[in-house]
Amino acid sequence: ELLLPSRDKLPFNHESEIVELSRFFKVELGPRHNLDLICDF
């Protein structure tokens, strides 16, 4: 059951990726950032 998605946790999505990239760059990214360009960089 540890690997089953819980009701209170959505699958990995756009918002999840913003959290990961913000963690890497130590900066708060948001909806105005182009995640495709950031990932390519």
All heavy atoms as atom14 arrays in JSON, in Angstrom:
{
  "sequence": "ELLLPSRDKLPFNHESEIVELSRFFKVELGPRHNLDLICDF",
  "atom14_mask": [
    [1, 1, 1, 1, 1, 1, 1, 1, 1, 0, 0, 0, 0, 0],
    [1, 1, 1, 1, 1, 1, 1, 1, 0, 0, 0, 0, 0, 0],
    [1, 1, 1, 1, 1, 1, 1, 1, 0, 0, 0, 0, 0, 0],
    [1, 1, 1, 1, 1, 1, 1, 1, 0, 0, 0, 0, 0, 0],
    [1, 1, 1, 1, 1, 1, 1, 0, 0, 0, 0, 0, 0, 0],
    [1, 1, 1, 1, 1, 1, 0, 0, 0, 0, 0, 0, 0, 0],
    [1, 1, 1, 1, 1, 1, 1, 1, 1, 1, 1, 0, 0, 0],
    [1, 1, 1, 1, 1, 1, 1, 1, 0, 0, 0, 0, 0, 0],
    [1, 1, 1, 1, 1, 1, 1, 1, 1, 0, 0, 0, 0, 0],
    [1, 1, 1, 1, 1, 1, 1, 1, 0, 0, 0, 0, 0, 0],
    [1, 1, 1, 1, 1, 1, 1, 0, 0, 0, 0, 0, 0, 0],
    [1, 1, 1, 1, 1, 1, 1, 1, 1, 1, 1, 0, 0, 0],
    [1, 1, 1, 1, 1, 1, 1, 1, 0, 0, 0, 0, 0, 0],
    [1, 1, 1, 1, 1, 1, 1, 1, 1, 1, 0, 0, 0, 0],
    [1, 1, 1, 1, 1, 1, 1, 1, 1, 0, 0, 0, 0, 0],
    [1, 1, 1, 1, 1, 1, 0, 0, 0, 0, 0, 0, 0, 0],
    [1, 1, 1, 1, 1, 1, 1, 1, 1, 0, 0, 0, 0, 0],
    [1, 1, 1, 1, 1, 1, 1, 1, 0, 0, 0, 0, 0, 0],
    [1, 1, 1, 1, 1, 1, 1, 0, 0, 0, 0, 0, 0, 0],
    [1, 1, 1, 1, 1, 1, 1, 1, 1, 0, 0, 0, 0, 0],
    [1, 1, 1, 1, 1, 1, 1, 1, 0, 0, 0, 0, 0, 0],
    [1, 1, 1, 1, 1, 1, 0, 0, 0, 0, 0, 0, 0, 0],
    [1, 1, 1, 1, 1, 1, 1, 1, 1, 1, 1, 0, 0, 0],
    [1, 1, 1, 1, 1, 1, 1, 1, 1, 1, 1, 0, 0, 0],
    [1, 1, 1, 1, 1, 1, 1, 1, 1, 1, 1, 0, 0, 0],
    [1, 1, 1, 1, 1, 1, 1, 1, 1, 0, 0, 0, 0, 0],
    [1, 1, 1, 1, 1, 1, 1, 0, 0, 0, 0, 0, 0, 0],
    [1, 1, 1, 1, 1, 1, 1, 1, 1, 0, 0, 0, 0, 0],
    [1, 1, 1, 1, 1, 1, 1, 1, 0, 0, 0, 0, 0, 0],
    [1, 1, 1, 1, 0, 0, 0, 0, 0, 0, 0, 0, 0, 0],
    [1, 1, 1, 1, 1, 1, 1, 0, 0, 0, 0, 0, 0, 0],
    [1, 1, 1, 1, 1, 1, 1, 1, 1, 1, 1, 0, 0, 0],
    [1, 1, 1, 1, 1, 1, 1, 1, 1, 1, 0, 0, 0, 0],
    [1, 1, 1, 1, 1, 1, 1, 1, 0, 0, 0, 0, 0, 0],
    [1, 1, 1, 1, 1, 1, 1, 1, 0, 0, 0, 0, 0, 0],
    [1, 1, 1, 1, 1, 1, 1, 1, 0, 0, 0, 0, 0, 0],
    [1, 1, 1, 1, 1, 1, 1, 1, 0, 0, 0, 0, 0, 0],
    [1, 1, 1, 1, 1, 1, 1, 1, 0, 0, 0, 0, 0, 0],
    [1, 1, 1, 1, 1, 1, 0, 0, 0, 0, 0, 0, 0, 0],
    [1, 1, 1, 1, 1, 1, 1, 1, 0, 0, 0, 0, 0, 0],
    [1, 1, 1, 1, 1, 1, 1, 1, 1, 1, 1, 0, 0, 0]
  ],
  "atom14_positions": [
    [[0.81, -1.22, 0.0], [0.0, 0.0, 0.0], [0.85, 1.27, 0.0], [0.37, 2.34, -0.35], [-0.94, 0.02, 1.22], [-0.24, 0.09, 2.57], [0.13, -1.29, 3.11], [0.01, -2.27, 2.36], [0.53, -1.37, 4.28], [0.0, 0.0, 0.0], [0.0, 0.0, 0.0], [0.0, 0.0, 0.0], [0.0, 0.0, 0.0], [0.0, 0.0, 0.0]],
    [[2.13, 1.17, 0.36], [3.0, 2.34, 0.36], [3.17, 2.92, -1.04], [3.42, 4.12, -1.19], [4.39, 1.97, 0.91], [4.47, 1.64, 2.4], [5.87, 1.18, 2.75], [4.07, 2.84, 3.24], [0.0, 0.0, 0.0], [0.0, 0.0, 0.0], [0.0, 0.0, 0.0], [0.0, 0.0, 0.0], [0.0, 0.0, 0.0], [0.0, 0.0, 0.0]],
    [[3.05, 2.09, -2.05], [3.26, 2.55, -3.42], [1.97, 2.98, -4.1], [2.0, 3.44, -5.23], [3.92, 1.44, -4.25], [5.4, 1.19, -3.95], [5.91, 0.02, -4.75], [6.22, 2.42, -4.23], [0.0, 0.0, 0.0], [0.0, 0.0, 0.0], [0.0, 0.0, 0.0], [0.0, 0.0, 0.0], [0.0, 0.0, 0.0], [0.0, 0.0, 0.0]],
    [[0.87, 2.84, -3.43], [-0.4, 3.26, -4.03], [-0.59, 4.75, -3.83], [-0.35, 5.28, -2.74], [-1.57, 2.49, -3.4], [-1.55, 0.97, -3.62], [-2.7, 0.33, -2.86], [-1.64, 0.65, -5.11], [0.0, 0.0, 0.0], [0.0, 0.0, 0.0], [0.0, 0.0, 0.0], [0.0, 0.0, 0.0], [0.0, 0.0, 0.0], [0.0, 0.0, 0.0]],
    [[-1.05, 5.48, -4.88], [-1.29, 6.92, -4.72], [-2.36, 7.16, -3.67], [-3.41, 6.53, -3.7], [-1.76, 7.35, -6.11], [-1.39, 6.25, -7.04], [-1.36, 5.0, -6.23], [0.0, 0.0, 0.0], [0.0, 0.0, 0.0], [0.0, 0.0, 0.0], [0.0, 0.0, 0.0], [0.0, 0.0, 0.0], [0.0, 0.0, 0.0], [0.0, 0.0, 0.0]],
    [[-2.1, 8.02, -2.72], [-3.09, 8.33, -1.69], [-4.03, 9.42, -2.18], [-3.7, 10.18, -3.09], [-2.38, 8.78, -0.41], [-1.59, 9.92, -0.66], [0.0, 0.0, 0.0], [0.0, 0.0, 0.0], [0.0, 0.0, 0.0], [0.0, 0.0, 0.0], [0.0, 0.0, 0.0], [0.0, 0.0, 0.0], [0.0, 0.0, 0.0], [0.0, 0.0, 0.0]],
    [[-5.18, 9.51, -1.56], [-6.17, 10.49, -1.98], [-5.68, 11.92, -1.78], [-6.08, 12.83, -2.51], [-7.47, 10.27, -1.19], [-8.17, 8.97, -1.53], [-9.44, 8.83, -0.71], [-10.13, 7.57, -1.01], [-11.24, 7.19, -0.41], [-11.79, 7.95, 0.54], [-11.81, 6.03, -0.73], [0.0, 0.0, 0.0], [0.0, 0.0, 0.0], [0.0, 0.0, 0.0]],
    [[-4.84, 12.1, -0.78], [-4.38, 13.46, -0.48], [-3.09, 13.83, -1.21], [-2.54, 14.9, -1.02], [-4.18, 13.64, 1.02], [-3.14, 12.69, 1.6], [-2.84, 11.7, 0.92], [-2.65, 12.94, 2.71], [0.0, 0.0, 0.0], [0.0, 0.0, 0.0], [0.0, 0.0, 0.0], [0.0, 0.0, 0.0], [0.0, 0.0, 0.0], [0.0, 0.0, 0.0]],
    [[-2.6, 12.92, -2.07], [-1.38, 13.22, -2.83], [-1.59, 12.89, -4.3], [-1.75, 11.74, -4.68], [-0.2, 12.42, -2.28], [1.13, 12.83, -2.91], [2.31, 12.28, -2.17], [3.6, 12.79, -2.77], [4.79, 12.29, -2.07], [0.0, 0.0, 0.0], [0.0, 0.0, 0.0], [0.0, 0.0, 0.0], [0.0, 0.0, 0.0], [0.0, 0.0, 0.0]],
    [[-1.6, 13.93, -5.13], [-1.85, 13.76, -6.55], [-0.63, 13.12, -7.21], [0.49, 13.2, -6.71], [-2.14, 15.11, -7.19], [-3.41, 15.82, -6.72], [-3.46, 17.23, -7.31], [-4.65, 15.04, -7.13], [0.0, 0.0, 0.0], [0.0, 0.0, 0.0], [0.0, 0.0, 0.0], [0.0, 0.0, 0.0], [0.0, 0.0, 0.0], [0.0, 0.0, 0.0]],
    [[-0.81, 12.49, -8.4], [0.34, 11.98, -9.15], [1.3, 13.13, -9.49], [0.93, 14.3, -9.43], [-0.32, 11.4, -10.41], [-1.74, 11.15, -10.05], [-2.1, 12.2, -9.05], [0.0, 0.0, 0.0], [0.0, 0.0, 0.0], [0.0, 0.0, 0.0], [0.0, 0.0, 0.0], [0.0, 0.0, 0.0], [0.0, 0.0, 0.0], [0.0, 0.0, 0.0]],
    [[2.51, 12.77, -9.87], [3.52, 13.77, -10.19], [3.04, 14.6, -11.38], [2.75, 14.07, -12.45], [4.85, 13.09, -10.51], [6.0, 14.04, -10.54], [6.67, 14.36, -9.37], [6.41, 14.63, -11.72], [7.75, 15.24, -9.38], [7.49, 15.51, -11.74], [8.15, 15.82, -10.56], [0.0, 0.0, 0.0], [0.0, 0.0, 0.0], [0.0, 0.0, 0.0]],
    [[2.96, 15.93, -11.2], [2.38, 16.79, -12.23], [3.17, 18.09, -12.35], [4.28, 18.22, -11.83], [0.91, 17.06, -11.91], [0.71, 17.65, -10.51], [1.66, 18.21, -9.93], [-0.5, 17.53, -9.98], [0.0, 0.0, 0.0], [0.0, 0.0, 0.0], [0.0, 0.0, 0.0], [0.0, 0.0, 0.0], [0.0, 0.0, 0.0], [0.0, 0.0, 0.0]],
    [[2.59, 19.06, -13.04], [3.24, 20.35, -13.27], [3.66, 21.01, -11.97], [4.8, 21.49, -11.83], [2.25, 21.25, -14.03], [2.78, 22.63, -14.32], [3.56, 22.93, -15.41], [2.63, 23.79, -13.63], [3.87, 24.21, -15.39], [3.31, 24.76, -14.33], [0.0, 0.0, 0.0], [0.0, 0.0, 0.0], [0.0, 0.0, 0.0], [0.0, 0.0, 0.0]],
    [[2.77, 21.02, -11.0], [3.07, 21.66, -9.71], [4.17, 20.9, -8.97], [5.02, 21.51, -8.33], [1.8, 21.72, -8.85], [0.77, 22.74, -9.31], [0.05, 22.33, -10.58], [-0.04, 21.09, -10.84], [-0.41, 23.21, -11.32], [0.0, 0.0, 0.0], [0.0, 0.0, 0.0], [0.0, 0.0, 0.0], [0.0, 0.0, 0.0], [0.0, 0.0, 0.0]],
    [[4.15, 19.57, -9.08], [5.2, 18.76, -8.45], [6.57, 19.12, -9.03], [7.58, 19.21, -8.31], [4.93, 17.27, -8.65], [3.63, 16.92, -8.28], [0.0, 0.0, 0.0], [0.0, 0.0, 0.0], [0.0, 0.0, 0.0], [0.0, 0.0, 0.0], [0.0, 0.0, 0.0], [0.0, 0.0, 0.0], [0.0, 0.0, 0.0], [0.0, 0.0, 0.0]],
    [[6.61, 19.32, -10.34], [7.87, 19.63, -11.0], [8.37, 21.01, -10.6], [9.59, 21.22, -10.44], [7.71, 19.54, -12.52], [9.01, 19.68, -13.28], [8.82, 19.39, -14.75], [8.14, 20.19, -15.43], [9.36, 18.38, -15.23], [0.0, 0.0, 0.0], [0.0, 0.0, 0.0], [0.0, 0.0, 0.0], [0.0, 0.0, 0.0], [0.0, 0.0, 0.0]],
    [[7.47, 21.96, -10.43], [7.87, 23.29, -9.97], [8.56, 23.2, -8.62], [9.58, 23.85, -8.37], [6.64, 24.23, -9.9], [6.19, 24.62, -11.31], [6.96, 25.49, -9.09], [4.94, 25.48, -11.34], [0.0, 0.0, 0.0], [0.0, 0.0, 0.0], [0.0, 0.0, 0.0], [0.0, 0.0, 0.0], [0.0, 0.0, 0.0], [0.0, 0.0, 0.0]],
    [[8.01, 22.35, -7.74], [8.62, 22.15, -6.42], [10.04, 21.59, -6.56], [10.98, 22.06, -5.9], [7.75, 21.22, -5.56], [8.47, 20.85, -4.27], [6.41, 21.88, -5.25], [0.0, 0.0, 0.0], [0.0, 0.0, 0.0], [0.0, 0.0, 0.0], [0.0, 0.0, 0.0], [0.0, 0.0, 0.0], [0.0, 0.0, 0.0], [0.0, 0.0, 0.0]],
    [[10.22, 20.59, -7.44], [11.54, 19.97, -7.61], [12.55, 20.96, -8.19], [13.7, 21.05, -7.72], [11.42, 18.76, -8.54], [10.64, 17.59, -7.96], [11.38, 16.88, -6.85], [12.16, 15.97, -7.14], [11.19, 17.26, -5.68], [0.0, 0.0, 0.0], [0.0, 0.0, 0.0], [0.0, 0.0, 0.0], [0.0, 0.0, 0.0], [0.0, 0.0, 0.0]],
    [[12.15, 21.71, -9.2], [13.07, 22.68, -9.83], [13.39, 23.83, -8.87], [14.54, 24.31, -8.84], [12.46, 23.21, -11.13], [12.38, 22.19, -12.27], [11.54, 22.74, -13.41], [13.76, 21.82, -12.78], [0.0, 0.0, 0.0], [0.0, 0.0, 0.0], [0.0, 0.0, 0.0], [0.0, 0.0, 0.0], [0.0, 0.0, 0.0], [0.0, 0.0, 0.0]],
    [[12.4, 24.26, -8.1], [12.65, 25.32, -7.11], [13.65, 24.84, -6.07], [14.51, 25.6, -5.61], [11.33, 25.71, -6.43], [10.41, 26.25, -7.36], [0.0, 0.0, 0.0], [0.0, 0.0, 0.0], [0.0, 0.0, 0.0], [0.0, 0.0, 0.0], [0.0, 0.0, 0.0], [0.0, 0.0, 0.0], [0.0, 0.0, 0.0], [0.0, 0.0, 0.0]],
    [[13.55, 23.56, -5.71], [14.47, 22.98, -4.74], [15.89, 22.94, -5.29], [16.86, 23.2, -4.58], [13.98, 21.57, -4.37], [14.73, 20.89, -3.25], [13.93, 19.69, -2.72], [13.71, 18.68, -3.73], [14.53, 17.66, -3.98], [15.66, 17.54, -3.3], [14.24, 16.77, -4.9], [0.0, 0.0, 0.0], [0.0, 0.0, 0.0], [0.0, 0.0, 0.0]],
    [[16.02, 22.6, -6.58], [17.35, 22.54, -7.19], [17.98, 23.93, -7.25], [19.15, 24.12, -6.86], [17.29, 21.95, -8.6], [18.63, 21.87, -9.28], [19.44, 20.76, -9.11], [19.1, 22.92, -10.07], [20.7, 20.7, -9.72], [20.35, 22.86, -10.68], [21.14, 21.75, -10.5], [0.0, 0.0, 0.0], [0.0, 0.0, 0.0], [0.0, 0.0, 0.0]],
    [[17.24, 24.92, -7.74], [17.8, 26.24, -7.98], [17.75, 27.15, -6.74], [18.26, 28.27, -6.78], [17.05, 26.93, -9.13], [17.34, 26.33, -10.47], [16.37, 25.61, -11.15], [18.58, 26.49, -11.06], [16.63, 25.06, -12.4], [18.86, 25.95, -12.31], [17.88, 25.22, -12.98], [0.0, 0.0, 0.0], [0.0, 0.0, 0.0], [0.0, 0.0, 0.0]],
    [[17.13, 26.68, -5.67], [16.97, 27.49, -4.46], [16.31, 28.82, -4.79], [16.75, 29.9, -4.34], [18.33, 27.73, -3.78], [18.86, 26.54, -3.01], [20.08, 26.93, -2.18], [20.56, 25.75, -1.33], [21.74, 26.11, -0.52], [0.0, 0.0, 0.0], [0.0, 0.0, 0.0], [0.0, 0.0, 0.0], [0.0, 0.0, 0.0], [0.0, 0.0, 0.0]],
    [[15.26, 28.77, -5.56], [14.51, 29.95, -5.93], [13.06, 29.54, -6.12], [12.77, 28.4, -6.46], [15.08, 30.58, -7.23], [14.87, 29.66, -8.41], [14.47, 31.95, -7.5], [0.0, 0.0, 0.0], [0.0, 0.0, 0.0], [0.0, 0.0, 0.0], [0.0, 0.0, 0.0], [0.0, 0.0, 0.0], [0.0, 0.0, 0.0], [0.0, 0.0, 0.0]],
    [[12.15, 30.44, -5.88], [10.74, 30.12, -6.01], [10.29, 30.32, -7.45], [10.2, 31.45, -7.93], [9.89, 30.98, -5.07], [8.42, 30.56, -5.05], [7.61, 31.3, -4.01], [8.22, 31.86, -3.08], [6.38, 31.31, -4.13], [0.0, 0.0, 0.0], [0.0, 0.0, 0.0], [0.0, 0.0, 0.0], [0.0, 0.0, 0.0], [0.0, 0.0, 0.0]],
    [[10.05, 29.21, -8.15], [9.54, 29.28, -9.51], [8.02, 29.3, -9.46], [7.4, 28.83, -8.5], [10.03, 28.09, -10.32], [11.55, 27.94, -10.45], [11.9, 26.66, -11.2], [12.16, 29.14, -11.15], [0.0, 0.0, 0.0], [0.0, 0.0, 0.0], [0.0, 0.0, 0.0], [0.0, 0.0, 0.0], [0.0, 0.0, 0.0], [0.0, 0.0, 0.0]],
    [[7.42, 29.81, -10.52], [5.97, 29.92, -10.54], [5.4, 29.72, -11.93], [6.11, 29.33, -12.88], [0.0, 0.0, 0.0], [0.0, 0.0, 0.0], [0.0, 0.0, 0.0], [0.0, 0.0, 0.0], [0.0, 0.0, 0.0], [0.0, 0.0, 0.0], [0.0, 0.0, 0.0], [0.0, 0.0, 0.0], [0.0, 0.0, 0.0], [0.0, 0.0, 0.0]],
    [[4.12, 29.99, -12.11], [3.44, 29.75, -13.4], [3.98, 30.58, -14.55], [3.77, 30.23, -15.7], [1.97, 30.09, -13.1], [2.01, 30.96, -11.88], [3.18, 30.5, -11.09], [0.0, 0.0, 0.0], [0.0, 0.0, 0.0], [0.0, 0.0, 0.0], [0.0, 0.0, 0.0], [0.0, 0.0, 0.0], [0.0, 0.0, 0.0], [0.0, 0.0, 0.0]],
    [[4.7, 31.67, -14.25], [5.23, 32.51, -15.33], [6.55, 31.97, -15.88], [7.04, 32.46, -16.89], [5.44, 33.95, -14.84], [4.15, 34.68, -14.51], [3.3, 34.9, -15.75], [3.98, 35.71, -16.75], [3.55, 35.84, -18.0], [2.48, 35.18, -18.4], [4.2, 36.61, -18.85], [0.0, 0.0, 0.0], [0.0, 0.0, 0.0], [0.0, 0.0, 0.0]],
    [[7.13, 31.01, -15.23], [8.37, 30.42, -15.73], [8.07, 29.35, -16.76], [7.14, 28.56, -16.62], [9.19, 29.81, -14.58], [9.89, 30.83, -13.74], [9.32, 31.38, -12.61], [11.11, 31.42, -13.87], [10.16, 32.25, -12.08], [11.26, 32.28, -12.81], [0.0, 0.0, 0.0], [0.0, 0.0, 0.0], [0.0, 0.0, 0.0], [0.0, 0.0, 0.0]],
    [[8.89, 29.32, -17.8], [8.76, 28.32, -18.86], [9.56, 27.08, -18.45], [10.78, 27.05, -18.58], [9.28, 28.9, -20.18], [8.99, 27.99, -21.36], [9.05, 26.78, -21.25], [8.67, 28.59, -22.5], [0.0, 0.0, 0.0], [0.0, 0.0, 0.0], [0.0, 0.0, 0.0], [0.0, 0.0, 0.0], [0.0, 0.0, 0.0], [0.0, 0.0, 0.0]],
    [[8.86, 26.07, -17.96], [9.55, 24.89, -17.43], [10.28, 24.11, -18.51], [11.31, 23.49, -18.24], [8.56, 23.98, -16.71], [7.84, 24.57, -15.48], [7.1, 23.47, -14.73], [8.82, 25.28, -14.56], [0.0, 0.0, 0.0], [0.0, 0.0, 0.0], [0.0, 0.0, 0.0], [0.0, 0.0, 0.0], [0.0, 0.0, 0.0], [0.0, 0.0, 0.0]],
    [[9.77, 24.14, -19.74], [10.48, 23.46, -20.83], [11.85, 24.08, -21.06], [12.86, 23.37, -21.22], [9.66, 23.52, -22.12], [8.49, 22.57, -22.13], [8.45, 21.68, -21.25], [7.61, 22.69, -23.0], [0.0, 0.0, 0.0], [0.0, 0.0, 0.0], [0.0, 0.0, 0.0], [0.0, 0.0, 0.0], [0.0, 0.0, 0.0], [0.0, 0.0, 0.0]],
    [[11.92, 25.41, -21.08], [13.2, 26.09, -21.27], [14.14, 25.83, -20.09], [15.34, 25.62, -20.27], [12.98, 27.59, -21.44], [12.36, 28.06, -22.76], [12.17, 29.57, -22.74], [13.22, 27.66, -23.95], [0.0, 0.0, 0.0], [0.0, 0.0, 0.0], [0.0, 0.0, 0.0], [0.0, 0.0, 0.0], [0.0, 0.0, 0.0], [0.0, 0.0, 0.0]],
    [[13.58, 25.84, -18.88], [14.4, 25.6, -17.7], [14.96, 24.18, -17.71], [16.14, 23.95, -17.42], [13.58, 25.85, -16.41], [13.29, 27.35, -16.29], [14.32, 25.35, -15.18], [12.35, 27.7, -15.15], [0.0, 0.0, 0.0], [0.0, 0.0, 0.0], [0.0, 0.0, 0.0], [0.0, 0.0, 0.0], [0.0, 0.0, 0.0], [0.0, 0.0, 0.0]],
    [[14.12, 23.19, -18.08], [14.58, 21.8, -18.12], [15.63, 21.6, -19.2], [16.61, 20.86, -19.01], [13.39, 20.87, -18.35], [12.34, 20.66, -16.89], [0.0, 0.0, 0.0], [0.0, 0.0, 0.0], [0.0, 0.0, 0.0], [0.0, 0.0, 0.0], [0.0, 0.0, 0.0], [0.0, 0.0, 0.0], [0.0, 0.0, 0.0], [0.0, 0.0, 0.0]],
    [[15.46, 22.24, -20.34], [16.45, 22.15, -21.41], [17.78, 22.75, -20.96], [18.86, 22.18, -21.18], [15.93, 22.87, -22.65], [16.8, 22.61, -23.88], [17.05, 21.43, -24.18], [17.25, 23.58, -24.51], [0.0, 0.0, 0.0], [0.0, 0.0, 0.0], [0.0, 0.0, 0.0], [0.0, 0.0, 0.0], [0.0, 0.0, 0.0], [0.0, 0.0, 0.0]],
    [[17.71, 23.88, -20.3], [18.9, 24.53, -19.74], [19.57, 23.62, -18.71], [20.79, 23.47, -18.68], [18.48, 25.86, -19.11], [19.55, 26.54, -18.29], [20.66, 27.1, -18.89], [19.43, 26.63, -16.91], [21.64, 27.74, -18.14], [20.4, 27.26, -16.15], [21.51, 27.82, -16.77], [0.0, 0.0, 0.0], [0.0, 0.0, 0.0], [0.0, 0.0, 0.0]]
  ]
}
